[in-house]
Amino acid sequence: MKGYVYILRCSDGTYYTGSTTNLELRLSQHQNGQGANYTKKRLPVELVYYEEYQRIDEAFAREKQIQRWSHKKKEALIQGHLDDLPRLAKKIWKKTPPT
């Protein structure tokens, strides 16, 4: 079953990332306040990006990846600035173990 990952821009400028098997229905649900609690409080929302996958589990995995991204990294993806994505990745610093 096909799946989609999508990004919505909410009325407060934040982004919401989700996945679905029916993009048109899900967008309608978000706009009608029947979507996620997050978007319900930030209407109206606008679809600004989506990707299509052959299977919903692939879309769900991509959703979880994008959800961890910063606002700036999501904007680079939305604008098609794919070369900027590695630079915008969050730096994870490992603690040095005590000696």
Protein backbone atom coordinates (compact mmCIF):
# COMPACT_ATOMS: atom_id res chain seq x y z
CA MET A 1 0.00 0.00 0.00
CA LYS A 2 1.37 3.42 -1.01
CA GLY A 3 2.30 5.87 1.69
CA TYR A 4 3.05 9.56 1.91
CA VAL A 5 5.09 11.64 4.31
CA TYR A 6 4.06 15.29 4.40
CA ILE A 7 4.92 18.58 6.03
CA LEU A 8 2.31 21.20 6.89
CA ARG A 9 3.04 24.83 7.72
CA CYS A 10 0.79 25.85 10.57
CA SER A 11 -0.67 29.32 11.10
CA ASP A 12 1.96 30.07 13.76
CA GLY A 13 4.84 29.27 11.37
CA THR A 14 5.67 25.89 12.88
CA TYR A 15 5.82 22.67 10.88
CA TYR A 16 3.89 19.46 11.40
CA THR A 17 5.19 16.24 9.84
CA GLY A 18 2.92 13.24 9.33
CA SER A 19 2.39 10.16 7.20
CA THR A 20 -0.69 8.64 5.62
CA THR A 21 -1.99 6.30 2.94
CA ASN A 22 -4.47 8.92 1.64
CA LEU A 23 -2.93 12.37 1.38
CA GLU A 24 -6.05 14.23 0.19
CA LEU A 25 -8.23 12.79 2.96
CA ARG A 26 -5.63 13.47 5.63
CA LEU A 27 -5.19 17.10 4.53
CA SER A 28 -8.94 17.58 4.63
CA GLN A 29 -9.02 16.12 8.14
CA HIS A 30 -6.30 18.51 9.29
CA GLN A 31 -8.08 21.53 7.77
CA ASN A 32 -11.38 20.51 9.41
CA GLY A 33 -9.80 20.22 12.86
CA GLN A 34 -10.08 16.42 12.80
CA GLY A 35 -6.34 15.84 12.40
CA ALA A 36 -3.74 15.87 15.12
CA ASN A 37 -4.23 17.94 18.26
CA TYR A 38 -1.13 19.92 17.26
CA THR A 39 -2.64 21.15 14.00
CA LYS A 40 -6.12 21.55 15.43
CA LYS A 41 -4.80 24.41 17.58
CA ARG A 42 -2.87 26.02 14.71
CA LEU A 43 -5.35 26.27 11.84
CA PRO A 44 -5.27 26.92 9.01
CA VAL A 45 -2.49 24.65 7.79
CA GLU A 46 -0.87 24.53 4.37
CA LEU A 47 0.74 21.54 2.64
CA VAL A 48 4.28 22.64 1.81
CA TYR A 49 6.01 19.32 1.07
CA TYR A 50 5.36 15.63 0.51
CA GLU A 51 7.11 12.46 -0.62
CA GLU A 52 5.48 9.31 -1.99
CA TYR A 53 6.60 5.80 -1.05
CA GLN A 54 5.64 2.34 -2.27
CA ARG A 55 4.83 1.23 1.28
CA ILE A 56 3.37 3.07 4.27
CA ASP A 57 6.06 1.73 6.61
CA GLU A 58 8.69 3.50 4.50
CA ALA A 59 6.74 6.77 4.76
CA PHE A 60 6.35 6.30 8.51
CA ALA A 61 10.10 5.75 8.94
CA ARG A 62 10.81 8.92 6.95
CA GLU A 63 8.24 10.82 9.06
CA LYS A 64 10.09 9.85 12.23
CA GLN A 65 13.39 10.96 10.69
CA ILE A 66 12.08 14.37 9.62
CA GLN A 67 10.36 14.95 12.97
CA ARG A 68 13.77 15.00 14.64
CA TRP A 69 15.02 17.74 12.33
CA SER A 70 15.36 21.41 13.21
CA HIS A 71 13.04 24.05 11.76
CA LYS A 72 15.86 25.28 9.49
CA LYS A 73 16.61 21.80 8.19
CA LYS A 74 12.92 21.23 7.38
CA GLU A 75 12.87 24.56 5.53
CA ALA A 76 15.88 23.51 3.45
CA LEU A 77 14.08 20.28 2.50
CA ILE A 78 10.88 22.16 1.63
CA GLN A 79 12.81 24.66 -0.53
CA GLY A 80 14.75 21.88 -2.27
CA HIS A 81 18.11 22.92 -0.85
CA LEU A 82 19.23 19.33 -0.37
CA ASP A 83 22.93 20.22 -0.33
CA ASP A 84 22.33 22.18 2.89
CA LEU A 85 20.87 19.22 4.81
CA PRO A 86 24.18 17.75 6.09
CA ARG A 87 25.34 21.16 7.32
CA LEU A 88 22.07 21.68 9.18
CA ALA A 89 22.18 18.32 10.93
CA LYS A 90 22.14 18.57 14.72
CA LYS A 91 25.48 17.94 16.28
CA ILE A 92 25.42 15.23 18.89
CA TRP A 93 28.33 15.49 21.29
CA LYS A 94 29.35 12.42 23.19
CA LYS A 95 30.52 12.85 26.74
CA THR A 96 34.05 11.75 27.36
CA PRO A 97 34.02 8.98 29.97
CA PRO A 98 35.82 9.79 33.21
CA THR A 99 39.35 8.50 33.46
